[in-house]
Amino acid sequence: MLEQLELIISDEKGRLDKVLADTFSDYSRSQIQQWLKAGYVIVNDMPVAARYKVATGDKIVISRPLPEKLTVEPEDIPLDIVYEDDDLLVVNKPQGMVVHPSKGHASGTLVNALLYHSRDIASINDVVRPGIVHRIDKDTSGLLMVAKNDVTLRGLQQQLQAHTVKREYIALAHGVIVHERGKIDAPIGRDPHNRVTQTVIESGKPAVTHFQVMERYQDYTLCRCRLETGRTHQIRVHMAYIEHPIAGDPVYGPNVTLEGAGQYLHAATLGFTHPRTNETLYFEAPLPTYFESALKNLAK
């Protein structure tokens, strides 16, 4: 089945495939290029190529394939809820838990647990990602905000787009970082050689990560990383880009790493404005046990 969308270009300029990828962030640029090849996209009633340069006033009609809908069942899975009110909740996700169902992960996800905890979440956003405002990787632990109604969802999403949400991660990186702090400003996009990974690439979306060294060990560095943007795998890709990949990262790091549970990346800090009350909310989550144990062993 196809869903028809219309888009009038106001001030965007550039290649059509890039403009559409920026507009519809749930789809990769390669997927949008496939739409163009299949004739799903027309501009001013004419089919065009991906390289077409959009202009102000262009009318774009997209007949995009509807995403596959999954049936998501509530599951009685314990949740570490840090904060909750009538509009939202903040949860401390454990490492190893997938945020929302997908192919190969139909159950045991954070969404399955959330639906059991609060049935009202089922009607927010879509059937696969009800209430989900942002995601963190399966092997990353830490704080996530979840909306309980549409007004809260839109309010939190707007704060993310405006880069006003404070998100800081604790990361254990390979190697000894000599600088006390730094800013990594490098665009990130899908790797043209591997569709399931991201990479620093000129055609990617702007991505900025700030880091500050917390502790140095013999072969590792503990850092606090602050996201200015929120691209897929951003910290993992950026740290690998400066040749200090995250310890235990199975995709962007070396094969030989610390023994333990896996990836050493934790979403430790989350701060935002409550969309209804305008109250400033700030939360911190302690490092998980496996992470603390690794640091103690390194300190020895």
C-alpha atoms as a PDB file:
ATOM      1  CA  MET A   1       0.000   0.000   0.000  1.00  0.00           C
ATOM      2  CA  LEU A   2       1.081   3.561  -0.737  1.00  0.00           C
ATOM      3  CA  GLU A   3       0.609   6.751   1.251  1.00  0.00           C
ATOM      4  CA  GLN A   4       0.488   9.994  -0.711  1.00  0.00           C
ATOM      5  CA  LEU A   5       2.170  13.086   0.722  1.00  0.00           C
ATOM      6  CA  GLU A   6       2.540  16.586  -0.674  1.00  0.00           C
ATOM      7  CA  LEU A   7       5.413  18.953   0.051  1.00  0.00           C
ATOM      8  CA  ILE A   8       5.792  22.553  -1.127  1.00  0.00           C
ATOM      9  CA  ILE A   9       9.393  23.782  -1.062  1.00  0.00           C
ATOM     10  CA  SER A  10       9.700  27.033   0.887  1.00  0.00           C
ATOM     11  CA  ASP A  11      13.386  27.830   1.233  1.00  0.00           C
ATOM     12  CA  GLU A  12      15.234  24.499   0.998  1.00  0.00           C
ATOM     13  CA  LYS A  13      17.885  24.225  -1.656  1.00  0.00           C
ATOM     14  CA  GLY A  14      19.975  21.328  -2.849  1.00  0.00           C
ATOM     15  CA  ARG A  15      19.589  17.861  -4.302  1.00  0.00           C
ATOM     16  CA  LEU A  16      16.109  16.399  -4.107  1.00  0.00           C
ATOM     17  CA  ASP A  17      17.196  13.166  -2.426  1.00  0.00           C
ATOM     18  CA  LYS A  18      19.030  15.083   0.321  1.00  0.00           C
ATOM     19  CA  VAL A  19      16.095  17.461   0.925  1.00  0.00           C
ATOM     20  CA  LEU A  20      13.706  14.515   1.243  1.00  0.00           C
ATOM     21  CA  ALA A  21      16.100  12.623   3.533  1.00  0.00           C
ATOM     22  CA  ASP A  22      16.270  15.684   5.812  1.00  0.00           C
ATOM     23  CA  THR A  23      12.469  16.000   5.775  1.00  0.00           C
ATOM     24  CA  PHE A  24      11.658  12.334   6.322  1.00  0.00           C
ATOM     25  CA  SER A  25      14.323  11.358   8.845  1.00  0.00           C
ATOM     26  CA  ASP A  26      12.895   7.869   9.408  1.00  0.00           C
ATOM     27  CA  TYR A  27      14.063   6.913   5.903  1.00  0.00           C
ATOM     28  CA  SER A  28      17.620   6.715   4.659  1.00  0.00           C
ATOM     29  CA  ARG A  29      18.840   8.605   1.618  1.00  0.00           C
ATOM     30  CA  SER A  30      19.325   5.319  -0.222  1.00  0.00           C
ATOM     31  CA  GLN A  31      15.673   4.380   0.443  1.00  0.00           C
ATOM     32  CA  ILE A  32      14.523   7.722  -0.925  1.00  0.00           C
ATOM     33  CA  GLN A  33      16.709   7.215  -3.999  1.00  0.00           C
ATOM     34  CA  GLN A  34      14.891   3.893  -4.484  1.00  0.00           C
ATOM     35  CA  TRP A  35      11.555   5.748  -4.335  1.00  0.00           C
ATOM     36  CA  LEU A  36      12.807   8.079  -7.052  1.00  0.00           C
ATOM     37  CA  LYS A  37      13.938   5.191  -9.263  1.00  0.00           C
ATOM     38  CA  ALA A  38      10.576   3.468  -8.734  1.00  0.00           C
ATOM     39  CA  GLY A  39       8.675   6.615  -9.730  1.00  0.00           C
ATOM     40  CA  TYR A  40       7.144   7.223  -6.305  1.00  0.00           C
ATOM     41  CA  VAL A  41       8.259  10.896  -6.354  1.00  0.00           C
ATOM     42  CA  ILE A  42       7.203  13.551  -8.856  1.00  0.00           C
ATOM     43  CA  VAL A  43       8.018  17.276  -8.884  1.00  0.00           C
ATOM     44  CA  ASN A  44       5.613  19.721 -10.544  1.00  0.00           C
ATOM     45  CA  ASP A  45       3.788  16.733 -12.101  1.00  0.00           C
ATOM     46  CA  MET A  46       6.987  15.393 -13.658  1.00  0.00           C
ATOM     47  CA  PRO A  47       9.291  12.513 -12.624  1.00  0.00           C
ATOM     48  CA  VAL A  48      12.802  13.717 -11.793  1.00  0.00           C
ATOM     49  CA  ALA A  49      16.175  12.242 -10.871  1.00  0.00           C
ATOM     50  CA  ALA A  50      17.706  12.208  -7.402  1.00  0.00           C
ATOM     51  CA  ARG A  51      20.177  14.912  -8.441  1.00  0.00           C
ATOM     52  CA  TYR A  52      17.385  17.373  -9.309  1.00  0.00           C
ATOM     53  CA  LYS A  53      17.983  20.735  -7.557  1.00  0.00           C
ATOM     54  CA  VAL A  54      14.832  21.813  -5.730  1.00  0.00           C
ATOM     55  CA  ALA A  55      13.663  25.420  -5.971  1.00  0.00           C
ATOM     56  CA  THR A  56      11.295  27.581  -3.964  1.00  0.00           C
ATOM     57  CA  GLY A  57       7.702  26.814  -4.923  1.00  0.00           C
ATOM     58  CA  ASP A  58       8.344  23.286  -6.181  1.00  0.00           C
ATOM     59  CA  LYS A  59       5.412  20.962  -5.511  1.00  0.00           C
ATOM     60  CA  ILE A  60       6.592  17.482  -4.584  1.00  0.00           C
ATOM     61  CA  VAL A  61       4.149  14.580  -4.438  1.00  0.00           C
ATOM     62  CA  ILE A  62       5.387  11.389  -2.801  1.00  0.00           C
ATOM     63  CA  SER A  63       3.548   8.084  -2.969  1.00  0.00           C
ATOM     64  CA  ARG A  64       5.677   6.314  -0.377  1.00  0.00           C
ATOM     65  CA  PRO A  65       5.215   2.700   0.705  1.00  0.00           C
ATOM     66  CA  LEU A  66       3.581   2.434   4.110  1.00  0.00           C
ATOM     67  CA  PRO A  67       5.942   0.942   6.724  1.00  0.00           C
ATOM     68  CA  GLU A  68       5.210  -2.585   7.801  1.00  0.00           C
ATOM     69  CA  LYS A  69       3.058  -2.586  10.915  1.00  0.00           C
ATOM     70  CA  LEU A  70       3.939  -4.942  13.724  1.00  0.00           C
ATOM     71  CA  THR A  71       1.607  -6.180  16.425  1.00  0.00           C
ATOM     72  CA  VAL A  72       3.175  -5.149  19.720  1.00  0.00           C
ATOM     73  CA  GLU A  73       2.016  -6.972  22.830  1.00  0.00           C
ATOM     74  CA  PRO A  74       2.334  -5.616  26.395  1.00  0.00           C
ATOM     75  CA  GLU A  75       4.830  -7.614  28.460  1.00  0.00           C
ATOM     76  CA  ASP A  76       5.396  -7.644  32.210  1.00  0.00           C
ATOM     77  CA  ILE A  77       9.042  -6.581  32.120  1.00  0.00           C
ATOM     78  CA  PRO A  78      10.467  -4.637  35.101  1.00  0.00           C
ATOM     79  CA  LEU A  79      11.271  -0.993  34.387  1.00  0.00           C
ATOM     80  CA  ASP A  80      13.625   1.354  36.219  1.00  0.00           C
ATOM     81  CA  ILE A  81      11.405   4.455  36.175  1.00  0.00           C
ATOM     82  CA  VAL A  82      13.292   7.540  37.334  1.00  0.00           C
ATOM     83  CA  TYR A  83      10.370   9.980  37.016  1.00  0.00           C
ATOM     84  CA  GLU A  84       6.692   9.820  36.053  1.00  0.00           C
ATOM     85  CA  ASP A  85       3.680  12.140  35.914  1.00  0.00           C
ATOM     86  CA  ASP A  86       0.474  12.367  33.848  1.00  0.00           C
ATOM     87  CA  ASP A  87       2.337  13.604  30.761  1.00  0.00           C
ATOM     88  CA  LEU A  88       5.625  11.750  30.572  1.00  0.00           C
ATOM     89  CA  LEU A  89       8.075   9.406  32.200  1.00  0.00           C
ATOM     90  CA  VAL A  90      11.846   9.034  32.277  1.00  0.00           C
ATOM     91  CA  VAL A  91      13.221   5.508  32.275  1.00  0.00           C
ATOM     92  CA  ASN A  92      16.728   4.166  32.876  1.00  0.00           C
ATOM     93  CA  LYS A  93      17.099   1.534  30.136  1.00  0.00           C
ATOM     94  CA  PRO A  94      19.400  -1.404  30.872  1.00  0.00           C
ATOM     95  CA  GLN A  95      22.112  -2.438  28.464  1.00  0.00           C
ATOM     96  CA  GLY A  96      20.953  -5.183  26.132  1.00  0.00           C
ATOM     97  CA  MET A  97      17.332  -4.001  25.816  1.00  0.00           C
ATOM     98  CA  VAL A  98      16.069  -2.894  22.390  1.00  0.00           C
ATOM     99  CA  VAL A  99      13.975   0.297  22.525  1.00  0.00           C
ATOM    100  CA  HIS A 100      11.215  -0.644  20.075  1.00  0.00           C
ATOM    101  CA  PRO A 101      10.198  -3.757  18.111  1.00  0.00           C
ATOM    102  CA  SER A 102      11.692  -4.453  14.716  1.00  0.00           C
ATOM    103  CA  LYS A 103      12.453  -7.467  12.580  1.00  0.00           C
ATOM    104  CA  GLY A 104      14.216  -9.930  14.831  1.00  0.00           C
ATOM    105  CA  HIS A 105      13.138  -8.100  18.002  1.00  0.00           C
ATOM    106  CA  ALA A 106       9.365  -8.522  18.225  1.00  0.00           C
ATOM    107  CA  SER A 107       9.310  -8.909  22.008  1.00  0.00           C
ATOM    108  CA  GLY A 108      11.282  -8.072  25.126  1.00  0.00           C
ATOM    109  CA  THR A 109      11.696  -4.430  24.095  1.00  0.00           C
ATOM    110  CA  LEU A 110      11.242  -1.249  26.089  1.00  0.00           C
ATOM    111  CA  VAL A 111       7.999  -0.580  24.189  1.00  0.00           C
ATOM    112  CA  ASN A 112       6.594  -3.979  25.206  1.00  0.00           C
ATOM    113  CA  ALA A 113       7.339  -3.088  28.827  1.00  0.00           C
ATOM    114  CA  LEU A 114       5.901   0.439  28.501  1.00  0.00           C
ATOM    115  CA  LEU A 115       2.616  -0.843  27.056  1.00  0.00           C
ATOM    116  CA  TYR A 116       2.199  -3.113  30.082  1.00  0.00           C
ATOM    117  CA  HIS A 117       3.049  -0.270  32.463  1.00  0.00           C
ATOM    118  CA  SER A 118       0.700   2.281  30.848  1.00  0.00           C
ATOM    119  CA  ARG A 119      -1.930   1.302  28.267  1.00  0.00           C
ATOM    120  CA  ASP A 120      -2.485   4.999  27.396  1.00  0.00           C
ATOM    121  CA  ILE A 121       0.899   5.062  25.614  1.00  0.00           C
ATOM    122  CA  ALA A 122      -0.468   2.746  22.910  1.00  0.00           C
ATOM    123  CA  SER A 123      -2.189   5.616  21.068  1.00  0.00           C
ATOM    124  CA  ILE A 124       0.837   7.965  21.022  1.00  0.00           C
ATOM    125  CA  ASN A 125       3.039   8.219  17.895  1.00  0.00           C
ATOM    126  CA  ASP A 126       2.655   4.897  16.051  1.00  0.00           C
ATOM    127  CA  VAL A 127       2.037   1.238  16.812  1.00  0.00           C
ATOM    128  CA  VAL A 128       5.748   0.336  16.747  1.00  0.00           C
ATOM    129  CA  ARG A 129       7.106   3.322  18.683  1.00  0.00           C
ATOM    130  CA  PRO A 130       4.302   4.478  20.996  1.00  0.00           C
ATOM    131  CA  GLY A 131       5.457   7.352  23.186  1.00  0.00           C
ATOM    132  CA  ILE A 132       9.081   7.072  22.075  1.00  0.00           C
ATOM    133  CA  VAL A 133      10.670  10.512  21.693  1.00  0.00           C
ATOM    134  CA  HIS A 134      14.273   9.436  21.075  1.00  0.00           C
ATOM    135  CA  ARG A 135      16.259   6.208  21.105  1.00  0.00           C
ATOM    136  CA  ILE A 136      19.502   4.804  22.387  1.00  0.00           C
ATOM    137  CA  ASP A 137      21.216   1.691  21.077  1.00  0.00           C
ATOM    138  CA  LYS A 138      20.496  -1.777  22.396  1.00  0.00           C
ATOM    139  CA  ASP A 139      23.945  -2.039  23.995  1.00  0.00           C
ATOM    140  CA  THR A 140      23.840   1.495  25.448  1.00  0.00           C
ATOM    141  CA  SER A 141      22.309   1.956  28.888  1.00  0.00           C
ATOM    142  CA  GLY A 142      20.739   5.044  30.398  1.00  0.00           C
ATOM    143  CA  LEU A 143      18.037   7.680  30.366  1.00  0.00           C
ATOM    144  CA  LEU A 144      15.181   8.044  27.895  1.00  0.00           C
ATOM    145  CA  MET A 145      12.110  10.310  27.971  1.00  0.00           C
ATOM    146  CA  VAL A 146       8.734   8.853  26.969  1.00  0.00           C
ATOM    147  CA  ALA A 147       5.582  10.857  26.158  1.00  0.00           C
ATOM    148  CA  LYS A 148       2.118   9.879  27.396  1.00  0.00           C
ATOM    149  CA  ASN A 149       0.145  12.179  25.085  1.00  0.00           C
ATOM    150  CA  ASP A 150       0.517  13.848  21.692  1.00  0.00           C
ATOM    151  CA  VAL A 151       1.054  17.356  23.077  1.00  0.00           C
ATOM    152  CA  THR A 152       3.975  16.155  25.204  1.00  0.00           C
ATOM    153  CA  LEU A 153       5.404  14.147  22.317  1.00  0.00           C
ATOM    154  CA  ARG A 154       5.429  17.183  20.010  1.00  0.00           C
ATOM    155  CA  GLY A 155       6.827  19.431  22.728  1.00  0.00           C
ATOM    156  CA  LEU A 156       9.737  17.109  23.486  1.00  0.00           C
ATOM    157  CA  GLN A 157      10.448  16.503  19.796  1.00  0.00           C
ATOM    158  CA  GLN A 158      10.593  20.271  19.207  1.00  0.00           C
ATOM    159  CA  GLN A 159      13.142  20.623  22.015  1.00  0.00           C
ATOM    160  CA  LEU A 160      15.279  17.903  20.427  1.00  0.00           C
ATOM    161  CA  GLN A 161      15.108  19.650  17.051  1.00  0.00           C
ATOM    162  CA  ALA A 162      16.067  22.960  18.691  1.00  0.00           C
ATOM    163  CA  HIS A 163      19.023  21.252  20.467  1.00  0.00           C
ATOM    164  CA  THR A 164      17.804  22.440  23.887  1.00  0.00           C
ATOM    165  CA  VAL A 165      17.655  18.992  25.489  1.00  0.00           C
ATOM    166  CA  LYS A 166      20.725  18.295  27.625  1.00  0.00           C
ATOM    167  CA  ARG A 167      22.064  14.806  26.915  1.00  0.00           C
ATOM    168  CA  GLU A 168      25.376  13.669  28.325  1.00  0.00           C
ATOM    169  CA  TYR A 169      26.919  10.220  28.124  1.00  0.00           C
ATOM    170  CA  ILE A 170      29.732   8.524  30.013  1.00  0.00           C
ATOM    171  CA  ALA A 171      31.980   6.692  27.561  1.00  0.00           C
ATOM    172  CA  LEU A 172      35.036   4.508  28.017  1.00  0.00           C
ATOM    173  CA  ALA A 173      37.206   4.929  24.945  1.00  0.00           C
ATOM    174  CA  HIS A 174      40.208   3.035  23.645  1.00  0.00           C
ATOM    175  CA  GLY A 175      43.565   4.774  23.920  1.00  0.00           C
ATOM    176  CA  VAL A 176      44.739   7.731  25.965  1.00  0.00           C
ATOM    177  CA  ILE A 177      43.182  11.028  24.836  1.00  0.00           C
ATOM    178  CA  VAL A 178      45.762  13.760  25.368  1.00  0.00           C
ATOM    179  CA  HIS A 179      43.384  16.733  25.171  1.00  0.00           C
ATOM    180  CA  GLU A 180      41.306  17.649  28.213  1.00  0.00           C
ATOM    181  CA  ARG A 181      38.293  18.501  26.091  1.00  0.00           C
ATOM    182  CA  GLY A 182      37.319  18.704  22.448  1.00  0.00           C
ATOM    183  CA  LYS A 183      34.617  19.271  19.880  1.00  0.00           C
ATOM    184  CA  ILE A 184      33.993  16.805  17.065  1.00  0.00           C
ATOM    185  CA  ASP A 185      32.177  18.542  14.213  1.00  0.00           C
ATOM    186  CA  ALA A 186      31.831  16.018  11.387  1.00  0.00           C
ATOM    187  CA  PRO A 187      28.738  15.121   9.287  1.00  0.00           C
ATOM    188  CA  ILE A 188      27.320  11.636   9.706  1.00  0.00           C
ATOM    189  CA  GLY A 189      25.413   9.574   7.159  1.00  0.00           C
ATOM    190  CA  ARG A 190      24.769   6.011   6.147  1.00  0.00           C
ATOM    191  CA  ASP A 191      27.910   4.169   5.085  1.00  0.00           C
ATOM    192  CA  PRO A 192      27.645   3.652   1.291  1.00  0.00           C
ATOM    193  CA  HIS A 193      29.537   0.376   1.658  1.00  0.00           C
ATOM    194  CA  ASN A 194      27.462  -1.008   4.540  1.00  0.00           C
ATOM    195  CA  ARG A 195      23.782  -0.024   4.816  1.00  0.00           C
ATOM    196  CA  VAL A 196      23.485  -0.975   8.503  1.00  0.00           C
ATOM    197  CA  THR A 197      26.272   1.321   9.747  1.00  0.00           C
ATOM    198  CA  GLN A 198      26.900   5.062   9.872  1.00  0.00           C
ATOM    199  CA  THR A 199      30.083   6.914   9.001  1.00  0.00           C
ATOM    200  CA  VAL A 200      31.567  10.399   8.763  1.00  0.00           C
ATOM    201  CA  ILE A 201      30.797  11.416   5.208  1.00  0.00           C
ATOM    202  CA  GLU A 202      30.643  14.746   3.378  1.00  0.00           C
ATOM    203  CA  SER A 203      27.050  14.144   2.224  1.00  0.00           C
ATOM    204  CA  GLY A 204      25.879  13.332   5.773  1.00  0.00           C
ATOM    205  CA  LYS A 205      23.843  15.430   8.186  1.00  0.00           C
ATOM    206  CA  PRO A 206      25.569  17.914  10.519  1.00  0.00           C
ATOM    207  CA  ALA A 207      26.717  16.241  13.740  1.00  0.00           C
ATOM    208  CA  VAL A 208      28.496  17.774  16.729  1.00  0.00           C
ATOM    209  CA  THR A 209      29.772  15.974  19.837  1.00  0.00           C
ATOM    210  CA  HIS A 210      31.599  17.632  22.735  1.00  0.00           C
ATOM    211  CA  PHE A 211      33.825  15.537  25.002  1.00  0.00           C
ATOM    212  CA  GLN A 212      35.669  16.117  28.262  1.00  0.00           C
ATOM    213  CA  VAL A 213      38.200  13.731  29.800  1.00  0.00           C
ATOM    214  CA  MET A 214      37.210  12.453  33.237  1.00  0.00           C
ATOM    215  CA  GLU A 215      39.947   9.866  33.907  1.00  0.00           C
ATOM    216  CA  ARG A 216      42.862   8.321  32.075  1.00  0.00           C
ATOM    217  CA  TYR A 217      43.980   4.718  32.432  1.00  0.00           C
ATOM    218  CA  GLN A 218      46.862   2.813  30.881  1.00  0.00           C
ATOM    219  CA  ASP A 219      45.101   2.070  27.592  1.00  0.00           C
ATOM    220  CA  TYR A 220      41.693   3.715  28.011  1.00  0.00           C
ATOM    221  CA  THR A 221      40.115   7.112  28.664  1.00  0.00           C
ATOM    222  CA  LEU A 222      36.875   7.801  30.513  1.00  0.00           C
ATOM    223  CA  CYS A 223      34.996  10.707  28.913  1.00  0.00           C
ATOM    224  CA  ARG A 224      31.841  12.705  29.351  1.00  0.00           C
ATOM    225  CA  CYS A 225      30.277  13.272  25.936  1.00  0.00           C
ATOM    226  CA  ARG A 226      27.598  15.886  25.264  1.00  0.00           C
ATOM    227  CA  LEU A 227      25.391  15.660  22.196  1.00  0.00           C
ATOM    228  CA  GLU A 228      24.662  18.862  20.320  1.00  0.00           C
ATOM    229  CA  THR A 229      22.883  16.893  17.593  1.00  0.00           C
ATOM    230  CA  GLY A 230      21.372  13.420  17.720  1.00  0.00           C
ATOM    231  CA  ARG A 231      22.425  11.335  14.735  1.00  0.00           C
ATOM    232  CA  THR A 232      22.260   7.547  14.694  1.00  0.00           C
ATOM    233  CA  HIS A 233      25.284   6.058  16.525  1.00  0.00           C
ATOM    234  CA  GLN A 234      26.690   9.592  16.799  1.00  0.00           C
ATOM    235  CA  ILE A 235      29.056   9.183  19.768  1.00  0.00           C
ATOM    236  CA  ARG A 236      30.220   5.776  18.581  1.00  0.00           C
ATOM    237  CA  VAL A 237      30.938   7.055  15.057  1.00  0.00           C
ATOM    238  CA  HIS A 238      32.597  10.272  16.219  1.00  0.00           C
ATOM    239  CA  MET A 239      34.840   8.596  18.774  1.00  0.00           C
ATOM    240  CA  ALA A 240      35.927   6.024  16.191  1.00  0.00           C
ATOM    241  CA  TYR A 241      36.539   8.893  13.756  1.00  0.00           C
ATOM    242  CA  ILE A 242      39.108  10.455  16.141  1.00  0.00           C
ATOM    243  CA  GLU A 243      40.641   6.974  16.590  1.00  0.00           C
ATOM    244  CA  HIS A 244      39.325   6.448  20.124  1.00  0.00           C
ATOM    245  CA  PRO A 245      36.409   4.034  19.617  1.00  0.00           C
ATOM    246  CA  ILE A 246      34.123   3.060  22.474  1.00  0.00           C
ATOM    247  CA  ALA A 247      35.335   0.023  24.416  1.00  0.00           C
ATOM    248  CA  GLY A 248      33.248  -3.020  23.623  1.00  0.00           C
ATOM    249  CA  ASP A 249      31.629  -1.471  20.546  1.00  0.00           C
ATOM    250  CA  PRO A 250      30.978  -4.501  18.298  1.00  0.00           C
ATOM    251  CA  VAL A 251      30.603  -2.413  15.126  1.00  0.00           C
ATOM    252  CA  TYR A 252      32.941   0.583  15.258  1.00  0.00           C
ATOM    253  CA  GLY A 253      35.563  -0.696  17.712  1.00  0.00           C
ATOM    254  CA  PRO A 254      38.354  -3.291  17.600  1.00  0.00           C
ATOM    255  CA  ASN A 255      37.655  -6.978  18.121  1.00  0.00           C
ATOM    256  CA  VAL A 256      39.910  -7.229  21.182  1.00  0.00           C
ATOM    257  CA  THR A 257      38.557  -5.220  24.095  1.00  0.00           C
ATOM    258  CA  LEU A 258      37.672  -5.439  27.804  1.00  0.00           C
ATOM    259  CA  GLU A 259      36.045  -8.494  29.203  1.00  0.00           C
ATOM    260  CA  GLY A 260      32.527  -7.840  30.358  1.00  0.00           C
ATOM    261  CA  ALA A 261      28.974  -7.210  29.278  1.00  0.00           C
ATOM    262  CA  GLY A 262      29.770  -5.298  26.115  1.00  0.00           C
ATOM    263  CA  GLN A 263      29.604  -1.675  25.037  1.00  0.00           C
ATOM    264  CA  TYR A 264      30.781   0.883  27.607  1.00  0.00           C
ATOM    265  CA  LEU A 265      28.465   3.790  26.827  1.00  0.00           C
ATOM    266  CA  HIS A 266      25.886   5.134  29.294  1.00  0.00           C
ATOM    267  CA  ALA A 267      23.312   7.933  28.878  1.00  0.00           C
ATOM    268  CA  ALA A 268      23.972   9.439  32.290  1.00  0.00           C
ATOM    269  CA  THR A 269      22.343  12.880  32.146  1.00  0.00           C
ATOM    270  CA  LEU A 270      19.036  14.119  30.722  1.00  0.00           C
ATOM    271  CA  GLY A 271      17.632  17.617  31.069  1.00  0.00           C
ATOM    272  CA  PHE A 272      14.634  19.263  29.382  1.00  0.00           C
ATOM    273  CA  THR A 273      11.667  21.582  29.889  1.00  0.00           C
ATOM    274  CA  HIS A 274       8.347  19.999  30.797  1.00  0.00           C
ATOM    275  CA  PRO A 275       6.053  20.791  27.813  1.00  0.00           C
ATOM    276  CA  ARG A 276       2.985  21.454  29.997  1.00  0.00           C
ATOM    277  CA  THR A 277       4.371  23.011  33.195  1.00  0.00           C
ATOM    278  CA  ASN A 278       7.495  24.668  31.676  1.00  0.00           C
ATOM    279  CA  GLU A 279       9.421  23.276  34.658  1.00  0.00           C
ATOM    280  CA  THR A 280      13.089  22.478  34.082  1.00  0.00           C
ATOM    281  CA  LEU A 281      13.657  18.780  34.743  1.00  0.00           C
ATOM    282  CA  TYR A 282      17.105  17.267  35.231  1.00  0.00           C
ATOM    283  CA  PHE A 283      17.999  13.626  35.851  1.00  0.00           C
ATOM    284  CA  GLU A 284      21.132  11.579  36.388  1.00  0.00           C
ATOM    285  CA  ALA A 285      21.513   7.804  36.260  1.00  0.00           C
ATOM    286  CA  PRO A 286      24.451   6.058  37.941  1.00  0.00           C
ATOM    287  CA  LEU A 287      26.740   3.808  35.932  1.00  0.00           C
ATOM    288  CA  PRO A 288      25.546   0.209  35.693  1.00  0.00           C
ATOM    289  CA  THR A 289      27.364  -2.397  37.770  1.00  0.00           C
ATOM    290  CA  TYR A 290      29.351  -3.904  34.877  1.00  0.00           C
ATOM    291  CA  PHE A 291      30.663  -0.440  33.952  1.00  0.00           C
ATOM    292  CA  GLU A 292      31.682   0.386  37.541  1.00  0.00           C
ATOM    293  CA  SER A 293      33.445  -2.979  37.869  1.00  0.00           C
ATOM    294  CA  ALA A 294      35.445  -2.391  34.688  1.00  0.00           C
ATOM    295  CA  LEU A 295      36.615   1.012  35.928  1.00  0.00           C
ATOM    296  CA  LYS A 296      37.703  -0.463  39.273  1.00  0.00           C
ATOM    297  CA  ASN A 297      39.724  -3.122  37.466  1.00  0.00           C
ATOM    298  CA  LEU A 298      41.349  -0.510  35.233  1.00  0.00           C
ATOM    299  CA  ALA A 299      42.225   1.623  38.255  1.00  0.00           C
ATOM    300  CA  LYS A 300      44.156  -1.324  39.725  1.00  0.00           C
END
